[in-house]
Amino acid sequence: MCFNVESTAKFLETKQTSTTIPFGWDDADNMKTVRSIVVNSYNAGGSANTRKAYIPHTVPIITTNNDCDDIKTKSRWFRIKFERLDPQLKGIELERAETALRKAMKDAHRSIWIVTAYVYKAIKERQMDPFYQELVDEIEGACESLEVDLRAKRMYTLMLFCAKKILEAADSGDMYALVLEKTKNLILPSYSESVCKGKNSNPAPSSGHGSSSVRQCLQETLPDVVLQAPEHKVLPFFDNMFSPSSCQCGETIAFHPKMFLEYCKEQNRNTHGVTEAAIRSFIKQQKIGCTSNRIRFRGTGVQVSAVHIPREWFDKDVINKFDGRFGVRNQQRKKGTFK
């Protein structure tokens, strides 16, 4: 069973509760969804339910071309990096092997409970196993010069322990030496390198993702576009007086970043290369508003995931111009009148 890149976190979580057999998640591209599945699987809970009704019984086997420098995520997933893309089988040999594998997989599910029961028993009794005690010391020694956190050390140690037990049971115990070598010389250094990169590197922001570019887009381009564009074009993605009930932001300016940027593109307006993701990231990192509220704008009857920023963050003259053009809905002014 395998799912593709378009799978949502909720869909994957549902599958995790319905089977004990690991399933494939091929070419995962949305790292936000990957982080959600990884962390929630480790914590045995997820977005589907926060009252423990969601209990995962398995985890997906993920293939992805992306990586993650977030230590919270990286220390919770078992990451295997390819040393090189050099397939051992090619041509007709590869085709024959794939055919044989498909045939074997038809009956493979019958032996899954045997393998899982065997591994479960080995894990349960590992504290008394001399090999496990030696393995803990060996991984600890291999990580002395590497930046590998305790959670990751335990994860890789347990993986090696299970690998040895399974290989021995399958009369392939001699392959364990290769697994250990690749773990110590490739996987652990790769893990450490990517974590250090995430902590210490400070790459120059690319065009459109720097804070100054996003700030300029929000404080200059957004007001300019909103005040000059026809009202029927603006109202589907902009609201000058939105009072969210799910946070403490108070009176805010709300807008849909994607629709705003698309309109700017249609009008050949300069947005300094800013993207929707950059706007949401800027608002979240600067802690100047919220990025996930569902809003139904005046120009449409459909709810969309928009962002909002407290009105005081914008220039006072800009706010007055917004109110002068679009009015103030459902708000009583100090003079005792409504607009």
C-alpha atoms as a PDB file:
ATOM      1  CA  MET A   1       0.000   0.000   0.000  1.00  0.00           C
ATOM      2  CA  CYS A   2       1.532   3.295  -1.076  1.00  0.00           C
ATOM      3  CA  PHE A   3       0.299   6.896  -1.256  1.00  0.00           C
ATOM      4  CA  ASN A   4       1.639   9.777  -3.253  1.00  0.00           C
ATOM      5  CA  VAL A   5       2.855  13.296  -2.626  1.00  0.00           C
ATOM      6  CA  GLU A   6      -0.657  14.791  -2.472  1.00  0.00           C
ATOM      7  CA  SER A   7      -1.692  12.894   0.684  1.00  0.00           C
ATOM      8  CA  THR A   8      -2.840  15.079   3.593  1.00  0.00           C
ATOM      9  CA  ALA A   9      -1.807  14.692   7.228  1.00  0.00           C
ATOM     10  CA  LYS A  10      -5.325  13.761   8.309  1.00  0.00           C
ATOM     11  CA  PHE A  11      -5.589  11.075   5.607  1.00  0.00           C
ATOM     12  CA  LEU A  12      -2.247   9.562   6.614  1.00  0.00           C
ATOM     13  CA  GLU A  13      -3.141   9.659  10.314  1.00  0.00           C
ATOM     14  CA  THR A  14      -6.352   7.772   9.552  1.00  0.00           C
ATOM     15  CA  LYS A  15      -4.374   5.075   7.761  1.00  0.00           C
ATOM     16  CA  GLN A  16      -2.015   4.832  10.731  1.00  0.00           C
ATOM     17  CA  THR A  17      -4.920   3.906  12.992  1.00  0.00           C
ATOM     18  CA  SER A  18      -6.417   1.316  10.637  1.00  0.00           C
ATOM     19  CA  THR A  19      -3.446  -1.007  10.103  1.00  0.00           C
ATOM     20  CA  THR A  20      -0.362  -2.321  11.844  1.00  0.00           C
ATOM     21  CA  ILE A  21       1.501  -2.801   8.562  1.00  0.00           C
ATOM     22  CA  PRO A  22       3.865   0.041   7.552  1.00  0.00           C
ATOM     23  CA  PHE A  23       2.797   1.718   4.309  1.00  0.00           C
ATOM     24  CA  GLY A  24       4.638   3.769   1.721  1.00  0.00           C
ATOM     25  CA  TRP A  25       4.462   7.544   1.256  1.00  0.00           C
ATOM     26  CA  ASP A  26       6.227   8.178  -2.016  1.00  0.00           C
ATOM     27  CA  ASP A  27       7.931  11.455  -2.996  1.00  0.00           C
ATOM     28  CA  ALA A  28       6.686  13.466  -0.007  1.00  0.00           C
ATOM     29  CA  ASP A  29       7.120  17.118  -0.940  1.00  0.00           C
ATOM     30  CA  ASN A  30       5.232  19.158   1.669  1.00  0.00           C
ATOM     31  CA  MET A  31       7.658  19.276   4.602  1.00  0.00           C
ATOM     32  CA  LYS A  32       5.029  20.838   6.849  1.00  0.00           C
ATOM     33  CA  THR A  33       2.906  17.689   6.449  1.00  0.00           C
ATOM     34  CA  VAL A  34       5.966  15.479   6.924  1.00  0.00           C
ATOM     35  CA  ARG A  35       6.843  17.274  10.181  1.00  0.00           C
ATOM     36  CA  SER A  36       3.280  16.867  11.415  1.00  0.00           C
ATOM     37  CA  ILE A  37       3.226  13.123  10.732  1.00  0.00           C
ATOM     38  CA  VAL A  38       6.713  12.555  12.177  1.00  0.00           C
ATOM     39  CA  VAL A  39       6.141  14.440  15.429  1.00  0.00           C
ATOM     40  CA  ASN A  40       2.580  13.222  15.953  1.00  0.00           C
ATOM     41  CA  SER A  41       3.563   9.615  15.268  1.00  0.00           C
ATOM     42  CA  TYR A  42       6.364   9.834  17.808  1.00  0.00           C
ATOM     43  CA  ASN A  43       4.068  11.423  20.384  1.00  0.00           C
ATOM     44  CA  ALA A  44       1.254   8.951  19.583  1.00  0.00           C
ATOM     45  CA  GLY A  45      -1.233  11.686  18.836  1.00  0.00           C
ATOM     46  CA  GLY A  46      -2.251  13.932  15.967  1.00  0.00           C
ATOM     47  CA  SER A  47      -4.479  16.598  14.522  1.00  0.00           C
ATOM     48  CA  ALA A  48      -7.290  14.108  13.911  1.00  0.00           C
ATOM     49  CA  ASN A  49      -8.022  13.892  17.604  1.00  0.00           C
ATOM     50  CA  THR A  50      -6.419  15.384  20.701  1.00  0.00           C
ATOM     51  CA  ARG A  51      -8.112  13.090  23.212  1.00  0.00           C
ATOM     52  CA  LYS A  52      -6.138   9.938  22.499  1.00  0.00           C
ATOM     53  CA  ALA A  53      -8.799   8.490  20.202  1.00  0.00           C
ATOM     54  CA  TYR A  54      -6.130   8.831  17.529  1.00  0.00           C
ATOM     55  CA  ILE A  55      -3.491   6.213  18.362  1.00  0.00           C
ATOM     56  CA  PRO A  56      -1.165   5.260  15.490  1.00  0.00           C
ATOM     57  CA  HIS A  57      -0.433   1.549  15.095  1.00  0.00           C
ATOM     58  CA  THR A  58       2.223   1.973  12.409  1.00  0.00           C
ATOM     59  CA  VAL A  59       4.278   4.604  10.598  1.00  0.00           C
ATOM     60  CA  PRO A  60       4.728   5.459   6.920  1.00  0.00           C
ATOM     61  CA  ILE A  61       7.936   4.664   5.050  1.00  0.00           C
ATOM     62  CA  ILE A  62       8.691   8.013   3.444  1.00  0.00           C
ATOM     63  CA  THR A  63      10.748   8.750   0.351  1.00  0.00           C
ATOM     64  CA  THR A  64      11.552  12.401  -0.269  1.00  0.00           C
ATOM     65  CA  ASN A  65      14.079  14.594  -2.039  1.00  0.00           C
ATOM     66  CA  ASN A  66      13.800  17.226   0.682  1.00  0.00           C
ATOM     67  CA  ASP A  67      15.518  17.410   4.040  1.00  0.00           C
ATOM     68  CA  CYS A  68      14.751  19.040   7.352  1.00  0.00           C
ATOM     69  CA  ASP A  69      17.118  20.948   9.640  1.00  0.00           C
ATOM     70  CA  ASP A  70      14.576  21.152  12.448  1.00  0.00           C
ATOM     71  CA  ILE A  71      15.974  19.151  15.377  1.00  0.00           C
ATOM     72  CA  LYS A  72      12.475  18.482  16.720  1.00  0.00           C
ATOM     73  CA  THR A  73      11.594  16.649  13.530  1.00  0.00           C
ATOM     74  CA  LYS A  74      14.960  15.151  12.683  1.00  0.00           C
ATOM     75  CA  SER A  75      15.373  13.426  16.051  1.00  0.00           C
ATOM     76  CA  ARG A  76      11.982  11.753  15.666  1.00  0.00           C
ATOM     77  CA  TRP A  77      12.288  10.171  12.255  1.00  0.00           C
ATOM     78  CA  PHE A  78      14.681   7.461  11.194  1.00  0.00           C
ATOM     79  CA  ARG A  79      16.528   9.095   8.332  1.00  0.00           C
ATOM     80  CA  ILE A  80      18.479   6.983   5.843  1.00  0.00           C
ATOM     81  CA  LYS A  81      20.493   8.894   3.281  1.00  0.00           C
ATOM     82  CA  PHE A  82      21.553   7.282   0.005  1.00  0.00           C
ATOM     83  CA  GLU A  83      25.328   7.179  -0.296  1.00  0.00           C
ATOM     84  CA  ARG A  84      25.019   7.271  -4.066  1.00  0.00           C
ATOM     85  CA  LEU A  85      22.390   6.481  -6.680  1.00  0.00           C
ATOM     86  CA  ASP A  86      23.966   3.331  -8.091  1.00  0.00           C
ATOM     87  CA  PRO A  87      21.423   0.516  -8.488  1.00  0.00           C
ATOM     88  CA  GLN A  88      22.895  -2.977  -8.280  1.00  0.00           C
ATOM     89  CA  LEU A  89      20.420  -4.418 -10.781  1.00  0.00           C
ATOM     90  CA  LYS A  90      19.883  -3.068 -14.274  1.00  0.00           C
ATOM     91  CA  GLY A  91      18.173  -4.067 -17.483  1.00  0.00           C
ATOM     92  CA  ILE A  92      16.617  -7.521 -17.651  1.00  0.00           C
ATOM     93  CA  GLU A  93      17.974  -8.485 -14.221  1.00  0.00           C
ATOM     94  CA  LEU A  94      16.087  -5.578 -12.652  1.00  0.00           C
ATOM     95  CA  GLU A  95      12.871  -6.508 -14.470  1.00  0.00           C
ATOM     96  CA  ARG A  96      13.115 -10.138 -13.328  1.00  0.00           C
ATOM     97  CA  ALA A  97      13.788  -9.089  -9.743  1.00  0.00           C
ATOM     98  CA  GLU A  98      10.785  -6.750  -9.733  1.00  0.00           C
ATOM     99  CA  THR A  99       8.554  -9.525 -11.109  1.00  0.00           C
ATOM    100  CA  ALA A 100       9.741 -11.959  -8.448  1.00  0.00           C
ATOM    101  CA  LEU A 101       9.232  -9.336  -5.740  1.00  0.00           C
ATOM    102  CA  ARG A 102       5.656  -8.607  -6.811  1.00  0.00           C
ATOM    103  CA  LYS A 103       4.893 -12.323  -6.733  1.00  0.00           C
ATOM    104  CA  ALA A 104       6.414 -12.716  -3.270  1.00  0.00           C
ATOM    105  CA  MET A 105       4.513  -9.687  -1.919  1.00  0.00           C
ATOM    106  CA  LYS A 106       1.173 -11.373  -2.593  1.00  0.00           C
ATOM    107  CA  ASP A 107       1.788 -13.727   0.323  1.00  0.00           C
ATOM    108  CA  ALA A 108       4.187 -11.551   2.336  1.00  0.00           C
ATOM    109  CA  HIS A 109       1.462 -10.304   4.690  1.00  0.00           C
ATOM    110  CA  ARG A 110       1.165 -13.816   6.149  1.00  0.00           C
ATOM    111  CA  SER A 111       4.606 -13.581   7.737  1.00  0.00           C
ATOM    112  CA  ILE A 112       4.298 -10.023   9.057  1.00  0.00           C
ATOM    113  CA  TRP A 113       2.836 -11.086  12.392  1.00  0.00           C
ATOM    114  CA  ILE A 114       5.665 -13.606  12.816  1.00  0.00           C
ATOM    115  CA  VAL A 115       8.310 -10.941  12.249  1.00  0.00           C
ATOM    116  CA  THR A 116       6.623  -8.330  14.443  1.00  0.00           C
ATOM    117  CA  ALA A 117       6.064 -10.815  17.277  1.00  0.00           C
ATOM    118  CA  TYR A 118       9.698 -11.910  17.080  1.00  0.00           C
ATOM    119  CA  VAL A 119      11.019  -8.330  17.075  1.00  0.00           C
ATOM    120  CA  TYR A 120       8.628  -7.257  19.838  1.00  0.00           C
ATOM    121  CA  LYS A 121       9.914 -10.049  22.080  1.00  0.00           C
ATOM    122  CA  ALA A 122      13.527  -9.113  21.317  1.00  0.00           C
ATOM    123  CA  ILE A 123      12.898  -5.425  22.083  1.00  0.00           C
ATOM    124  CA  LYS A 124      11.096  -6.253  25.308  1.00  0.00           C
ATOM    125  CA  GLU A 125      14.040  -8.349  26.526  1.00  0.00           C
ATOM    126  CA  ARG A 126      16.831  -6.173  25.092  1.00  0.00           C
ATOM    127  CA  GLN A 127      18.025  -4.880  28.463  1.00  0.00           C
ATOM    128  CA  MET A 128      19.217  -8.397  29.308  1.00  0.00           C
ATOM    129  CA  ASP A 129      20.854  -9.000  25.928  1.00  0.00           C
ATOM    130  CA  PRO A 130      24.692  -8.624  26.058  1.00  0.00           C
ATOM    131  CA  PHE A 131      24.726  -7.528  22.404  1.00  0.00           C
ATOM    132  CA  TYR A 132      22.384  -4.612  23.118  1.00  0.00           C
ATOM    133  CA  GLN A 133      24.533  -3.439  26.015  1.00  0.00           C
ATOM    134  CA  GLU A 134      27.612  -3.513  23.771  1.00  0.00           C
ATOM    135  CA  LEU A 135      25.733  -1.741  20.982  1.00  0.00           C
ATOM    136  CA  VAL A 136      24.715   1.142  23.257  1.00  0.00           C
ATOM    137  CA  ASP A 137      28.386   1.717  24.130  1.00  0.00           C
ATOM    138  CA  GLU A 138      29.447   1.413  20.500  1.00  0.00           C
ATOM    139  CA  ILE A 139      26.962   4.023  19.256  1.00  0.00           C
ATOM    140  CA  GLU A 140      27.851   6.297  22.158  1.00  0.00           C
ATOM    141  CA  GLY A 141      31.502   6.070  21.128  1.00  0.00           C
ATOM    142  CA  ALA A 142      30.698   6.676  17.456  1.00  0.00           C
ATOM    143  CA  CYS A 143      28.816   9.855  18.377  1.00  0.00           C
ATOM    144  CA  GLU A 144      31.492  11.353  20.627  1.00  0.00           C
ATOM    145  CA  SER A 145      32.757  13.712  17.933  1.00  0.00           C
ATOM    146  CA  LEU A 146      29.316  14.200  16.366  1.00  0.00           C
ATOM    147  CA  GLU A 147      26.384  16.353  17.423  1.00  0.00           C
ATOM    148  CA  VAL A 148      23.733  13.662  17.858  1.00  0.00           C
ATOM    149  CA  ASP A 149      21.053  14.125  20.513  1.00  0.00           C
ATOM    150  CA  LEU A 150      20.050  11.432  22.982  1.00  0.00           C
ATOM    151  CA  ARG A 151      16.736  10.667  21.267  1.00  0.00           C
ATOM    152  CA  ALA A 152      18.471  10.029  17.952  1.00  0.00           C
ATOM    153  CA  LYS A 153      21.152   7.861  19.577  1.00  0.00           C
ATOM    154  CA  ARG A 154      18.496   5.624  21.085  1.00  0.00           C
ATOM    155  CA  MET A 155      16.609   5.471  17.808  1.00  0.00           C
ATOM    156  CA  TYR A 156      19.632   4.392  15.778  1.00  0.00           C
ATOM    157  CA  THR A 157      20.738   1.946  18.479  1.00  0.00           C
ATOM    158  CA  LEU A 158      17.333   0.277  18.497  1.00  0.00           C
ATOM    159  CA  MET A 159      17.320   0.152  14.697  1.00  0.00           C
ATOM    160  CA  LEU A 160      20.673  -1.642  14.622  1.00  0.00           C
ATOM    161  CA  PHE A 161      19.532  -4.054  17.321  1.00  0.00           C
ATOM    162  CA  CYS A 162      16.391  -4.974  15.372  1.00  0.00           C
ATOM    163  CA  ALA A 163      18.322  -5.207  12.106  1.00  0.00           C
ATOM    164  CA  LYS A 164      20.734  -7.731  13.588  1.00  0.00           C
ATOM    165  CA  LYS A 165      17.949  -9.862  15.060  1.00  0.00           C
ATOM    166  CA  ILE A 166      15.996  -9.930  11.783  1.00  0.00           C
ATOM    167  CA  LEU A 167      19.059 -10.641   9.652  1.00  0.00           C
ATOM    168  CA  GLU A 168      20.108 -13.486  11.927  1.00  0.00           C
ATOM    169  CA  ALA A 169      16.620 -14.994  11.811  1.00  0.00           C
ATOM    170  CA  ALA A 170      16.699 -14.771   8.002  1.00  0.00           C
ATOM    171  CA  ASP A 171      20.115 -16.496   7.822  1.00  0.00           C
ATOM    172  CA  SER A 172      21.714 -13.270   6.614  1.00  0.00           C
ATOM    173  CA  GLY A 173      23.608 -12.314   9.745  1.00  0.00           C
ATOM    174  CA  ASP A 174      26.778 -11.556   7.790  1.00  0.00           C
ATOM    175  CA  MET A 175      25.053  -8.496   6.294  1.00  0.00           C
ATOM    176  CA  TYR A 176      24.855  -6.786   9.694  1.00  0.00           C
ATOM    177  CA  ALA A 177      28.466  -5.627   9.443  1.00  0.00           C
ATOM    178  CA  LEU A 178      27.557  -3.601   6.344  1.00  0.00           C
ATOM    179  CA  VAL A 179      24.512  -2.071   8.077  1.00  0.00           C
ATOM    180  CA  LEU A 180      26.662  -1.055  11.059  1.00  0.00           C
ATOM    181  CA  GLU A 181      29.360   0.397   8.815  1.00  0.00           C
ATOM    182  CA  LYS A 182      26.915   2.544   6.838  1.00  0.00           C
ATOM    183  CA  THR A 183      25.226   3.738  10.037  1.00  0.00           C
ATOM    184  CA  LYS A 184      28.508   4.839  11.616  1.00  0.00           C
ATOM    185  CA  ASN A 185      30.213   6.237   8.512  1.00  0.00           C
ATOM    186  CA  LEU A 186      27.297   7.685   6.519  1.00  0.00           C
ATOM    187  CA  ILE A 187      23.996   8.014   8.373  1.00  0.00           C
ATOM    188  CA  LEU A 188      25.205   9.384  11.745  1.00  0.00           C
ATOM    189  CA  PRO A 189      27.646  11.937  10.215  1.00  0.00           C
ATOM    190  CA  SER A 190      24.940  13.020   7.764  1.00  0.00           C
ATOM    191  CA  TYR A 191      22.492  13.481  10.643  1.00  0.00           C
ATOM    192  CA  SER A 192      24.995  15.531  12.630  1.00  0.00           C
ATOM    193  CA  GLU A 193      25.997  17.658   9.640  1.00  0.00           C
ATOM    194  CA  SER A 194      22.424  18.623   8.781  1.00  0.00           C
ATOM    195  CA  VAL A 195      21.590  19.464  12.414  1.00  0.00           C
ATOM    196  CA  CYS A 196      24.677  21.654  12.755  1.00  0.00           C
ATOM    197  CA  LYS A 197      23.821  23.331   9.463  1.00  0.00           C
ATOM    198  CA  GLY A 198      20.367  24.147  10.730  1.00  0.00           C
ATOM    199  CA  LYS A 199      21.757  25.636  13.947  1.00  0.00           C
ATOM    200  CA  ASN A 200      24.789  27.525  12.744  1.00  0.00           C
ATOM    201  CA  SER A 201      24.311  28.545   9.149  1.00  0.00           C
ATOM    202  CA  ASN A 202      22.950  31.990   8.383  1.00  0.00           C
ATOM    203  CA  PRO A 203      22.427  32.068   4.620  1.00  0.00           C
ATOM    204  CA  ALA A 204      21.646  35.356   3.025  1.00  0.00           C
ATOM    205  CA  PRO A 205      17.913  35.624   2.382  1.00  0.00           C
ATOM    206  CA  SER A 206      16.926  35.116  -1.215  1.00  0.00           C
ATOM    207  CA  SER A 207      14.940  37.685  -3.104  1.00  0.00           C
ATOM    208  CA  GLY A 208      11.409  37.817  -1.810  1.00  0.00           C
ATOM    209  CA  HIS A 209      12.077  35.967   1.438  1.00  0.00           C
ATOM    210  CA  GLY A 210      13.992  38.651   3.326  1.00  0.00           C
ATOM    211  CA  SER A 211      12.151  40.441   6.130  1.00  0.00           C
ATOM    212  CA  SER A 212      12.750  43.827   4.523  1.00  0.00           C
ATOM    213  CA  SER A 213      11.155  42.718   1.237  1.00  0.00           C
ATOM    214  CA  VAL A 214       8.049  41.336   2.951  1.00  0.00           C
ATOM    215  CA  ARG A 215       7.750  44.371   5.208  1.00  0.00           C
ATOM    216  CA  GLN A 216       7.956  46.685   2.200  1.00  0.00           C
ATOM    217  CA  CYS A 217       5.332  44.628   0.393  1.00  0.00           C
ATOM    218  CA  LEU A 218       2.920  44.804   3.344  1.00  0.00           C
ATOM    219  CA  GLN A 219       3.476  48.439   4.290  1.00  0.00           C
ATOM    220  CA  GLU A 220       3.735  49.926   0.793  1.00  0.00           C
ATOM    221  CA  THR A 221       2.491  47.638  -1.964  1.00  0.00           C
ATOM    222  CA  LEU A 222      -0.581  46.300  -0.122  1.00  0.00           C
ATOM    223  CA  PRO A 223      -2.012  49.755   0.769  1.00  0.00           C
ATOM    224  CA  ASP A 224      -1.186  51.133  -2.676  1.00  0.00           C
ATOM    225  CA  VAL A 225      -2.951  48.262  -4.453  1.00  0.00           C
ATOM    226  CA  VAL A 226      -5.954  48.163  -2.125  1.00  0.00           C
ATOM    227  CA  LEU A 227      -6.577  51.922  -2.308  1.00  0.00           C
ATOM    228  CA  GLN A 228      -6.267  52.164  -6.106  1.00  0.00           C
ATOM    229  CA  ALA A 229      -7.883  48.940  -7.339  1.00  0.00           C
ATOM    230  CA  PRO A 230     -11.649  48.752  -8.053  1.00  0.00           C
ATOM    231  CA  GLU A 231     -13.556  47.870  -4.913  1.00  0.00           C
ATOM    232  CA  HIS A 232     -15.109  44.722  -6.406  1.00  0.00           C
ATOM    233  CA  LYS A 233     -11.586  43.437  -7.100  1.00  0.00           C
ATOM    234  CA  VAL A 234     -10.325  44.139  -3.578  1.00  0.00           C
ATOM    235  CA  LEU A 235     -13.166  42.937  -1.344  1.00  0.00           C
ATOM    236  CA  PRO A 236     -12.756  39.224  -2.234  1.00  0.00           C
ATOM    237  CA  PHE A 237      -9.331  39.196  -0.545  1.00  0.00           C
ATOM    238  CA  PHE A 238      -9.179  42.213   1.798  1.00  0.00           C
ATOM    239  CA  ASP A 239     -10.965  43.449   4.932  1.00  0.00           C
ATOM    240  CA  ASN A 240      -9.946  46.621   6.757  1.00  0.00           C
ATOM    241  CA  MET A 241     -11.890  45.793   9.938  1.00  0.00           C
ATOM    242  CA  PHE A 242     -11.759  42.143  10.981  1.00  0.00           C
ATOM    243  CA  SER A 243     -12.173  41.220  14.655  1.00  0.00           C
ATOM    244  CA  PRO A 244     -11.177  37.559  15.161  1.00  0.00           C
ATOM    245  CA  SER A 245     -12.742  35.676  18.070  1.00  0.00           C
ATOM    246  CA  SER A 246     -10.085  32.960  18.307  1.00  0.00           C
ATOM    247  CA  CYS A 247      -7.168  35.181  19.325  1.00  0.00           C
ATOM    248  CA  GLN A 248      -6.341  38.419  21.130  1.00  0.00           C
ATOM    249  CA  CYS A 249      -5.337  40.486  18.108  1.00  0.00           C
ATOM    250  CA  GLY A 250      -8.352  42.805  18.408  1.00  0.00           C
ATOM    251  CA  GLU A 251      -9.228  44.911  15.364  1.00  0.00           C
ATOM    252  CA  THR A 252      -7.125  43.782  12.434  1.00  0.00           C
ATOM    253  CA  ILE A 253      -6.394  44.155   8.747  1.00  0.00           C
ATOM    254  CA  ALA A 254      -7.142  40.803   7.098  1.00  0.00           C
ATOM    255  CA  PHE A 255      -6.219  39.653   3.614  1.00  0.00           C
ATOM    256  CA  HIS A 256      -5.600  36.513   1.582  1.00  0.00           C
ATOM    257  CA  PRO A 257      -1.899  36.535   0.561  1.00  0.00           C
ATOM    258  CA  LYS A 258      -2.240  34.333  -2.512  1.00  0.00           C
ATOM    259  CA  MET A 259      -5.167  36.270  -4.007  1.00  0.00           C
ATOM    260  CA  PHE A 260      -3.440  39.564  -3.236  1.00  0.00           C
ATOM    261  CA  LEU A 261      -0.228  38.482  -4.978  1.00  0.00           C
ATOM    262  CA  GLU A 262      -2.147  37.063  -7.947  1.00  0.00           C
ATOM    263  CA  TYR A 263      -3.948  40.378  -8.407  1.00  0.00           C
ATOM    264  CA  CYS A 264      -0.620  42.215  -8.217  1.00  0.00           C
ATOM    265  CA  LYS A 265       0.738  39.940 -10.926  1.00  0.00           C
ATOM    266  CA  GLU A 266      -2.270  40.606 -13.136  1.00  0.00           C
ATOM    267  CA  GLN A 267      -1.677  44.348 -12.772  1.00  0.00           C
ATOM    268  CA  ASN A 268       2.104  44.052 -13.223  1.00  0.00           C
ATOM    269  CA  ARG A 269       2.661  45.473  -9.763  1.00  0.00           C
ATOM    270  CA  ASN A 270       6.051  45.024  -8.133  1.00  0.00           C
ATOM    271  CA  THR A 271       5.802  42.737  -5.097  1.00  0.00           C
ATOM    272  CA  HIS A 272       9.588  42.516  -4.663  1.00  0.00           C
ATOM    273  CA  GLY A 273       9.472  38.773  -5.423  1.00  0.00           C
ATOM    274  CA  VAL A 274       7.532  38.022  -2.234  1.00  0.00           C
ATOM    275  CA  THR A 275       5.599  34.737  -2.057  1.00  0.00           C
ATOM    276  CA  GLU A 276       2.575  33.648  -0.044  1.00  0.00           C
ATOM    277  CA  ALA A 277       4.781  31.423   2.114  1.00  0.00           C
ATOM    278  CA  ALA A 278       7.138  34.340   2.778  1.00  0.00           C
ATOM    279  CA  ILE A 279       4.260  36.544   3.974  1.00  0.00           C
ATOM    280  CA  ARG A 280       2.883  33.889   6.314  1.00  0.00           C
ATOM    281  CA  SER A 281       6.374  33.110   7.617  1.00  0.00           C
ATOM    282  CA  PHE A 282       7.128  36.801   8.217  1.00  0.00           C
ATOM    283  CA  ILE A 283       3.905  37.342  10.179  1.00  0.00           C
ATOM    284  CA  LYS A 284       4.533  34.244  12.275  1.00  0.00           C
ATOM    285  CA  GLN A 285       8.221  34.888  12.951  1.00  0.00           C
ATOM    286  CA  GLN A 286       7.725  38.569  13.741  1.00  0.00           C
ATOM    287  CA  LYS A 287       4.700  37.680  15.916  1.00  0.00           C
ATOM    288  CA  ILE A 288       2.670  40.532  14.487  1.00  0.00           C
ATOM    289  CA  GLY A 289      -0.524  38.612  13.724  1.00  0.00           C
ATOM    290  CA  CYS A 290      -2.072  35.235  12.919  1.00  0.00           C
ATOM    291  CA  THR A 291      -1.816  33.139   9.771  1.00  0.00           C
ATOM    292  CA  SER A 292      -4.472  30.412   9.888  1.00  0.00           C
ATOM    293  CA  ASN A 293      -7.871  32.013  10.487  1.00  0.00           C
ATOM    294  CA  ARG A 294     -10.806  31.075   8.293  1.00  0.00           C
ATOM    295  CA  ILE A 295     -12.359  34.274   6.925  1.00  0.00           C
ATOM    296  CA  ARG A 296     -15.329  34.960   4.658  1.00  0.00           C
ATOM    297  CA  PHE A 297     -14.568  38.214   2.853  1.00  0.00           C
ATOM    298  CA  ARG A 298     -17.288  40.621   1.798  1.00  0.00           C
ATOM    299  CA  GLY A 299     -16.741  40.033  -1.896  1.00  0.00           C
ATOM    300  CA  THR A 300     -17.286  36.264  -1.713  1.00  0.00           C
ATOM    301  CA  GLY A 301     -19.326  33.722   0.222  1.00  0.00           C
ATOM    302  CA  VAL A 302     -16.470  31.244   0.535  1.00  0.00           C
ATOM    303  CA  GLN A 303     -14.284  30.853   3.622  1.00  0.00           C
ATOM    304  CA  VAL A 304     -10.542  30.936   2.976  1.00  0.00           C
ATOM    305  CA  SER A 305      -7.438  30.617   5.131  1.00  0.00           C
ATOM    306  CA  ALA A 306      -6.304  34.213   5.421  1.00  0.00           C
ATOM    307  CA  VAL A 307      -3.907  36.215   7.585  1.00  0.00           C
ATOM    308  CA  HIS A 308      -4.571  39.207   9.802  1.00  0.00           C
ATOM    309  CA  ILE A 309      -2.409  41.891  11.398  1.00  0.00           C
ATOM    310  CA  PRO A 310      -3.507  44.358  14.127  1.00  0.00           C
ATOM    311  CA  ARG A 311      -4.402  47.708  12.643  1.00  0.00           C
ATOM    312  CA  GLU A 312      -1.889  49.575  14.796  1.00  0.00           C
ATOM    313  CA  TRP A 313       0.980  47.843  12.968  1.00  0.00           C
ATOM    314  CA  PHE A 314       0.174  49.904   9.868  1.00  0.00           C
ATOM    315  CA  ASP A 315       0.712  53.633   9.496  1.00  0.00           C
ATOM    316  CA  LYS A 316      -2.139  55.664  10.971  1.00  0.00           C
ATOM    317  CA  ASP A 317      -2.688  57.576   7.725  1.00  0.00           C
ATOM    318  CA  VAL A 318      -3.016  54.291   5.837  1.00  0.00           C
ATOM    319  CA  ILE A 319      -5.648  53.050   8.302  1.00  0.00           C
ATOM    320  CA  ASN A 320      -7.612  56.266   7.912  1.00  0.00           C
ATOM    321  CA  LYS A 321      -7.540  55.865   4.133  1.00  0.00           C
ATOM    322  CA  PHE A 322      -8.708  52.258   4.431  1.00  0.00           C
ATOM    323  CA  ASP A 323     -11.611  53.287   6.658  1.00  0.00           C
ATOM    324  CA  GLY A 324     -12.438  56.238   4.429  1.00  0.00           C
ATOM    325  CA  ARG A 325     -12.801  54.006   1.400  1.00  0.00           C
ATOM    326  CA  PHE A 326     -14.314  50.825   2.845  1.00  0.00           C
ATOM    327  CA  GLY A 327     -16.029  52.133   5.975  1.00  0.00           C
ATOM    328  CA  VAL A 328     -15.997  50.564   9.438  1.00  0.00           C
ATOM    329  CA  ARG A 329     -18.394  47.651   9.749  1.00  0.00           C
ATOM    330  CA  ASN A 330     -20.085  46.708  13.006  1.00  0.00           C
ATOM    331  CA  GLN A 331     -17.942  49.105  14.998  1.00  0.00           C
ATOM    332  CA  GLN A 332     -19.260  52.097  16.948  1.00  0.00           C
ATOM    333  CA  ARG A 333     -17.079  55.150  16.633  1.00  0.00           C
ATOM    334  CA  LYS A 334     -16.205  57.353  19.559  1.00  0.00           C
ATOM    335  CA  LYS A 335     -18.557  60.001  18.201  1.00  0.00           C
ATOM    336  CA  GLY A 336     -21.456  57.589  18.598  1.00  0.00           C
ATOM    337  CA  THR A 337     -22.100  56.980  14.908  1.00  0.00           C
ATOM    338  CA  PHE A 338     -21.785  54.017  12.615  1.00  0.00           C
ATOM    339  CA  LYS A 339     -20.180  53.914   9.189  1.00  0.00           C
END
